[in-house]
PDB file of all heavy atoms in Angstrom:
ATOM      1  N   ALA A   1      75.694  50.552  23.542  1.00  0.00           N
ATOM      2  CA  ALA A   1      75.250  49.190  23.224  1.00  0.00           C
ATOM      3  C   ALA A   1      74.298  48.647  24.285  1.00  0.00           C
ATOM      4  O   ALA A   1      73.266  48.044  23.952  1.00  0.00           O
ATOM      5  CB  ALA A   1      76.456  48.275  23.069  1.00  0.00           C
ATOM      6  N   VAL A   2      74.614  48.860  25.556  1.00  0.00           N
ATOM      7  CA  VAL A   2      73.763  48.349  26.637  1.00  0.00           C
ATOM      8  C   VAL A   2      72.396  49.034  26.619  1.00  0.00           C
ATOM      9  O   VAL A   2      71.346  48.377  26.683  1.00  0.00           O
ATOM     10  CB  VAL A   2      74.450  48.525  28.009  1.00  0.00           C
ATOM     11  CG1 VAL A   2      73.480  48.302  29.154  1.00  0.00           C
ATOM     12  CG2 VAL A   2      75.643  47.594  28.126  1.00  0.00           C
ATOM     13  N   VAL A   3      72.395  50.350  26.512  1.00  0.00           N
ATOM     14  CA  VAL A   3      71.123  51.082  26.520  1.00  0.00           C
ATOM     15  C   VAL A   3      70.309  50.746  25.270  1.00  0.00           C
ATOM     16  O   VAL A   3      69.097  50.560  25.338  1.00  0.00           O
ATOM     17  CB  VAL A   3      71.364  52.603  26.655  1.00  0.00           C
ATOM     18  CG1 VAL A   3      70.073  53.382  26.476  1.00  0.00           C
ATOM     19  CG2 VAL A   3      71.983  52.909  28.011  1.00  0.00           C
ATOM     20  N   THR A   4      70.962  50.630  24.119  1.00  0.00           N
ATOM     21  CA  THR A   4      70.258  50.276  22.885  1.00  0.00           C
ATOM     22  C   THR A   4      69.681  48.862  22.981  1.00  0.00           C
ATOM     23  O   THR A   4      68.542  48.623  22.556  1.00  0.00           O
ATOM     24  CB  THR A   4      71.194  50.404  21.669  1.00  0.00           C
ATOM     25  OG1 THR A   4      71.626  51.764  21.572  1.00  0.00           O
ATOM     26  CG2 THR A   4      70.496  50.011  20.383  1.00  0.00           C
ATOM     27  N   ALA A   5      70.423  47.938  23.562  1.00  0.00           N
ATOM     28  CA  ALA A   5      69.907  46.578  23.747  1.00  0.00           C
ATOM     29  C   ALA A   5      68.675  46.588  24.648  1.00  0.00           C
ATOM     30  O   ALA A   5      67.697  45.879  24.387  1.00  0.00           O
ATOM     31  CB  ALA A   5      70.989  45.674  24.325  1.00  0.00           C
ATOM     32  N   LEU A   6      68.695  47.402  25.696  1.00  0.00           N
ATOM     33  CA  LEU A   6      67.537  47.528  26.580  1.00  0.00           C
ATOM     34  C   LEU A   6      66.339  48.074  25.815  1.00  0.00           C
ATOM     35  O   LEU A   6      65.215  47.592  25.963  1.00  0.00           O
ATOM     36  CB  LEU A   6      67.873  48.423  27.772  1.00  0.00           C
ATOM     37  CG  LEU A   6      66.762  48.691  28.778  1.00  0.00           C
ATOM     38  CD1 LEU A   6      66.374  47.396  29.491  1.00  0.00           C
ATOM     39  CD2 LEU A   6      67.195  49.737  29.779  1.00  0.00           C
ATOM     40  N   LYS A   7      66.580  49.059  24.956  1.00  0.00           N
ATOM     41  CA  LYS A   7      65.492  49.654  24.176  1.00  0.00           C
ATOM     42  C   LYS A   7      64.940  48.675  23.146  1.00  0.00           C
ATOM     43  O   LYS A   7      63.721  48.567  22.979  1.00  0.00           O
ATOM     44  CB  LYS A   7      65.982  50.925  23.477  1.00  0.00           C
ATOM     45  CG  LYS A   7      66.276  52.056  24.443  1.00  0.00           C
ATOM     46  CD  LYS A   7      66.821  53.255  23.724  1.00  0.00           C
ATOM     47  CE  LYS A   7      67.143  54.353  24.723  1.00  0.00           C
ATOM     48  NZ  LYS A   7      67.461  55.617  24.098  1.00  0.00           N
ATOM     49  N   VAL A   8      65.819  47.969  22.457  1.00  0.00           N
ATOM     50  CA  VAL A   8      65.387  47.054  21.401  1.00  0.00           C
ATOM     51  C   VAL A   8      64.632  45.854  21.967  1.00  0.00           C
ATOM     52  O   VAL A   8      63.682  45.364  21.354  1.00  0.00           O
ATOM     53  CB  VAL A   8      66.596  46.605  20.549  1.00  0.00           C
ATOM     54  CG1 VAL A   8      66.246  45.471  19.622  1.00  0.00           C
ATOM     55  CG2 VAL A   8      67.130  47.785  19.748  1.00  0.00           C
ATOM     56  N   THR A   9      65.037  45.381  23.130  1.00  0.00           N
ATOM     57  CA  THR A   9      64.370  44.229  23.736  1.00  0.00           C
ATOM     58  C   THR A   9      63.196  44.630  24.622  1.00  0.00           C
ATOM     59  O   THR A   9      62.585  43.766  25.259  1.00  0.00           O
ATOM     60  CB  THR A   9      65.370  43.392  24.560  1.00  0.00           C
ATOM     61  OG1 THR A   9      65.949  44.224  25.585  1.00  0.00           O
ATOM     62  CG2 THR A   9      66.465  42.813  23.682  1.00  0.00           C
ATOM     63  N   ASN A  10      62.844  45.893  24.643  1.00  0.00           N
ATOM     64  CA  ASN A  10      61.745  46.359  25.480  1.00  0.00           C
ATOM     65  C   ASN A  10      60.427  45.609  25.263  1.00  0.00           C
ATOM     66  O   ASN A  10      59.722  45.356  26.237  1.00  0.00           O
ATOM     67  CB  ASN A  10      61.518  47.861  25.305  1.00  0.00           C
ATOM     68  CG  ASN A  10      60.516  48.376  26.303  1.00  0.00           C
ATOM     69  OD1 ASN A  10      60.783  48.422  27.491  1.00  0.00           O
ATOM     70  ND2 ASN A  10      59.327  48.729  25.809  1.00  0.00           N
ATOM     71  N   PRO A  11      60.073  45.210  24.033  1.00  0.00           N
ATOM     72  CA  PRO A  11      58.819  44.460  23.885  1.00  0.00           C
ATOM     73  C   PRO A  11      58.799  43.147  24.671  1.00  0.00           C
ATOM     74  O   PRO A  11      57.741  42.637  24.999  1.00  0.00           O
ATOM     75  CB  PRO A  11      58.740  44.168  22.387  1.00  0.00           C
ATOM     76  CG  PRO A  11      59.537  45.255  21.756  1.00  0.00           C
ATOM     77  CD  PRO A  11      60.646  45.541  22.732  1.00  0.00           C
ATOM     78  N   LEU A  12      59.955  42.620  25.017  1.00  0.00           N
ATOM     79  CA  LEU A  12      60.012  41.376  25.787  1.00  0.00           C
ATOM     80  C   LEU A  12      59.882  41.604  27.288  1.00  0.00           C
ATOM     81  O   LEU A  12      59.319  40.779  27.995  1.00  0.00           O
ATOM     82  CB  LEU A  12      61.324  40.638  25.502  1.00  0.00           C
ATOM     83  CG  LEU A  12      61.543  40.205  24.059  1.00  0.00           C
ATOM     84  CD1 LEU A  12      62.922  39.598  23.898  1.00  0.00           C
ATOM     85  CD2 LEU A  12      60.467  39.222  23.645  1.00  0.00           C
ATOM     86  N   HIS A  13      60.430  42.731  27.777  1.00  0.00           N
ATOM     87  CA  HIS A  13      60.450  42.934  29.228  1.00  0.00           C
ATOM     88  C   HIS A  13      59.658  44.133  29.709  1.00  0.00           C
ATOM     89  O   HIS A  13      59.251  44.171  30.850  1.00  0.00           O
ATOM     90  CB  HIS A  13      61.892  43.014  29.749  1.00  0.00           C
ATOM     91  CG  HIS A  13      62.744  43.987  29.025  1.00  0.00           C
ATOM     92  ND1 HIS A  13      62.599  45.342  29.153  1.00  0.00           N
ATOM     93  CD2 HIS A  13      63.761  43.795  28.149  1.00  0.00           C
ATOM     94  CE1 HIS A  13      63.496  45.949  28.399  1.00  0.00           C
ATOM     95  NE2 HIS A  13      64.208  45.033  27.771  1.00  0.00           N
ATOM     96  N   GLY A  14      59.429  45.125  28.874  1.00  0.00           N
ATOM     97  CA  GLY A  14      58.648  46.295  29.263  1.00  0.00           C
ATOM     98  C   GLY A  14      59.261  47.137  30.364  1.00  0.00           C
ATOM     99  O   GLY A  14      58.577  47.910  31.016  1.00  0.00           O
ATOM    100  N   LEU A  15      60.561  47.020  30.592  1.00  0.00           N
ATOM    101  CA  LEU A  15      61.212  47.770  31.669  1.00  0.00           C
ATOM    102  C   LEU A  15      61.526  49.217  31.287  1.00  0.00           C
ATOM    103  O   LEU A  15      61.705  50.061  32.155  1.00  0.00           O
ATOM    104  CB  LEU A  15      62.515  47.068  32.071  1.00  0.00           C
ATOM    105  CG  LEU A  15      62.366  45.670  32.649  1.00  0.00           C
ATOM    106  CD1 LEU A  15      63.738  45.035  32.857  1.00  0.00           C
ATOM    107  CD2 LEU A  15      61.585  45.712  33.934  1.00  0.00           C
ATOM    108  N   TYR A  16      61.602  49.492  29.987  1.00  0.00           N
ATOM    109  CA  TYR A  16      62.041  50.816  29.549  1.00  0.00           C
ATOM    110  C   TYR A  16      60.875  51.761  29.300  1.00  0.00           C
ATOM    111  O   TYR A  16      60.865  52.882  29.755  1.00  0.00           O
ATOM    112  CB  TYR A  16      62.923  50.688  28.305  1.00  0.00           C
ATOM    113  CG  TYR A  16      63.637  51.957  27.957  1.00  0.00           C
ATOM    114  CD1 TYR A  16      64.718  52.384  28.706  1.00  0.00           C
ATOM    115  CD2 TYR A  16      63.215  52.747  26.906  1.00  0.00           C
ATOM    116  CE1 TYR A  16      65.371  53.559  28.409  1.00  0.00           C
ATOM    117  CE2 TYR A  16      63.866  53.921  26.596  1.00  0.00           C
ATOM    118  CZ  TYR A  16      64.940  54.325  27.347  1.00  0.00           C
ATOM    119  OH  TYR A  16      65.558  55.488  27.056  1.00  0.00           O
ATOM    120  N   TYR A  17      59.885  51.330  28.540  1.00  0.00           N
ATOM    121  CA  TYR A  17      58.714  52.155  28.270  1.00  0.00           C
ATOM    122  C   TYR A  17      57.567  51.268  27.840  1.00  0.00           C
ATOM    123  O   TYR A  17      57.738  50.100  27.539  1.00  0.00           O
ATOM    124  CB  TYR A  17      58.993  53.199  27.180  1.00  0.00           C
ATOM    125  CG  TYR A  17      59.171  52.604  25.799  1.00  0.00           C
ATOM    126  CD1 TYR A  17      58.088  52.442  24.948  1.00  0.00           C
ATOM    127  CD2 TYR A  17      60.416  52.181  25.360  1.00  0.00           C
ATOM    128  CE1 TYR A  17      58.253  51.871  23.697  1.00  0.00           C
ATOM    129  CE2 TYR A  17      60.576  51.619  24.113  1.00  0.00           C
ATOM    130  CZ  TYR A  17      59.491  51.467  23.278  1.00  0.00           C
ATOM    131  OH  TYR A  17      59.650  50.908  22.049  1.00  0.00           O
ATOM    132  N   GLY A  18      56.379  51.849  27.790  1.00  0.00           N
ATOM    133  CA  GLY A  18      55.198  51.160  27.278  1.00  0.00           C
ATOM    134  C   GLY A  18      54.379  52.121  26.458  1.00  0.00           C
ATOM    135  O   GLY A  18      54.146  53.256  26.879  1.00  0.00           O
ATOM    136  N   LEU A  19      53.955  51.713  25.276  1.00  0.00           N
ATOM    137  CA  LEU A  19      53.055  52.510  24.456  1.00  0.00           C
ATOM    138  C   LEU A  19      51.651  51.973  24.687  1.00  0.00           C
ATOM    139  O   LEU A  19      51.360  50.832  24.365  1.00  0.00           O
ATOM    140  CB  LEU A  19      53.429  52.391  22.971  1.00  0.00           C
ATOM    141  CG  LEU A  19      54.766  52.985  22.554  1.00  0.00           C
ATOM    142  CD1 LEU A  19      55.030  52.709  21.084  1.00  0.00           C
ATOM    143  CD2 LEU A  19      54.789  54.472  22.814  1.00  0.00           C
ATOM    144  N   GLU A  20      50.807  52.796  25.281  1.00  0.00           N
ATOM    145  CA  GLU A  20      49.464  52.358  25.610  1.00  0.00           C
ATOM    146  C   GLU A  20      48.457  53.281  24.963  1.00  0.00           C
ATOM    147  O   GLU A  20      48.633  54.491  24.967  1.00  0.00           O
ATOM    148  CB  GLU A  20      49.265  52.358  27.127  1.00  0.00           C
ATOM    149  CG  GLU A  20      50.204  51.434  27.849  1.00  0.00           C
ATOM    150  CD  GLU A  20      50.024  51.474  29.351  1.00  0.00           C
ATOM    151  OE1 GLU A  20      49.004  52.021  29.825  1.00  0.00           O
ATOM    152  OE2 GLU A  20      50.904  50.950  30.048  1.00  0.00           O
ATOM    153  N   PRO A  21      47.367  52.718  24.423  1.00  0.00           N
ATOM    154  CA  PRO A  21      46.318  53.559  23.843  1.00  0.00           C
ATOM    155  C   PRO A  21      45.680  54.425  24.927  1.00  0.00           C
ATOM    156  O   PRO A  21      45.310  53.941  25.987  1.00  0.00           O
ATOM    157  CB  PRO A  21      45.296  52.550  23.307  1.00  0.00           C
ATOM    158  CG  PRO A  21      45.978  51.225  23.318  1.00  0.00           C
ATOM    159  CD  PRO A  21      47.101  51.306  24.284  1.00  0.00           C
ATOM    160  N   THR A  22      45.580  55.742  24.667  1.00  0.00           N
ATOM    161  CA  THR A  22      44.986  56.643  25.638  1.00  0.00           C
ATOM    162  C   THR A  22      43.953  57.575  25.032  1.00  0.00           C
ATOM    163  O   THR A  22      43.242  58.247  25.753  1.00  0.00           O
ATOM    164  CB  THR A  22      46.068  57.544  26.295  1.00  0.00           C
ATOM    165  OG1 THR A  22      46.673  58.340  25.284  1.00  0.00           O
ATOM    166  CG2 THR A  22      47.074  56.733  27.043  1.00  0.00           C
ATOM    167  N   GLY A  23      43.890  57.672  23.712  1.00  0.00           N
ATOM    168  CA  GLY A  23      43.037  58.677  23.086  1.00  0.00           C
ATOM    169  C   GLY A  23      43.802  59.978  23.035  1.00  0.00           C
ATOM    170  O   GLY A  23      45.021  60.028  23.200  1.00  0.00           O
ATOM    171  N   GLY A  24      43.151  61.066  22.797  1.00  0.00           N
ATOM    172  CA  GLY A  24      43.805  62.367  22.742  1.00  0.00           C
ATOM    173  C   GLY A  24      44.464  62.590  21.393  1.00  0.00           C
ATOM    174  O   GLY A  24      44.240  61.867  20.429  1.00  0.00           O
ATOM    175  N   ALA A  25      45.319  63.609  21.337  1.00  0.00           N
ATOM    176  CA  ALA A  25      45.915  64.023  20.072  1.00  0.00           C
ATOM    177  C   ALA A  25      46.804  62.948  19.462  1.00  0.00           C
ATOM    178  O   ALA A  25      46.845  62.783  18.259  1.00  0.00           O
ATOM    179  CB  ALA A  25      46.749  65.286  20.281  1.00  0.00           C
ATOM    180  N   PHE A  26      47.515  62.187  20.287  1.00  0.00           N
ATOM    181  CA  PHE A  26      48.470  61.228  19.761  1.00  0.00           C
ATOM    182  C   PHE A  26      48.030  59.790  19.951  1.00  0.00           C
ATOM    183  O   PHE A  26      48.535  58.890  19.329  1.00  0.00           O
ATOM    184  CB  PHE A  26      49.845  61.431  20.389  1.00  0.00           C
ATOM    185  CG  PHE A  26      50.316  62.847  20.223  1.00  0.00           C
ATOM    186  CD1 PHE A  26      50.293  63.717  21.285  1.00  0.00           C
ATOM    187  CD2 PHE A  26      50.733  63.309  18.998  1.00  0.00           C
ATOM    188  CE1 PHE A  26      50.680  65.031  21.120  1.00  0.00           C
ATOM    189  CE2 PHE A  26      51.138  64.608  18.825  1.00  0.00           C
ATOM    190  CZ  PHE A  26      51.115  65.471  19.885  1.00  0.00           C
ATOM    191  N   GLY A  27      47.126  59.548  20.863  1.00  0.00           N
ATOM    192  CA  GLY A  27      46.598  58.219  21.066  1.00  0.00           C
ATOM    193  C   GLY A  27      47.475  57.293  21.871  1.00  0.00           C
ATOM    194  O   GLY A  27      47.100  56.183  22.157  1.00  0.00           O
ATOM    195  N   LEU A  28      48.659  57.724  22.260  1.00  0.00           N
ATOM    196  CA  LEU A  28      49.589  56.880  23.011  1.00  0.00           C
ATOM    197  C   LEU A  28      50.197  57.650  24.162  1.00  0.00           C
ATOM    198  O   LEU A  28      50.374  58.855  24.088  1.00  0.00           O
ATOM    199  CB  LEU A  28      50.719  56.384  22.104  1.00  0.00           C
ATOM    200  CG  LEU A  28      50.307  55.473  20.969  1.00  0.00           C
ATOM    201  CD1 LEU A  28      51.483  55.272  20.028  1.00  0.00           C
ATOM    202  CD2 LEU A  28      49.850  54.149  21.487  1.00  0.00           C
ATOM    203  N   ALA A  29      50.570  56.916  25.198  1.00  0.00           N
ATOM    204  CA  ALA A  29      51.323  57.522  26.299  1.00  0.00           C
ATOM    205  C   ALA A  29      52.435  56.579  26.683  1.00  0.00           C
ATOM    206  O   ALA A  29      52.372  55.410  26.478  1.00  0.00           O
ATOM    207  CB  ALA A  29      50.421  57.750  27.504  1.00  0.00           C
TER     208      ALA A  29
END
């Protein structure tokens, strides 16, 4: 529950991961 809450609220805090445009095969890193 704690880890899932961190993942779900990531757009608010950005502490877990960030999807950023980079180009390449997938376009995200």
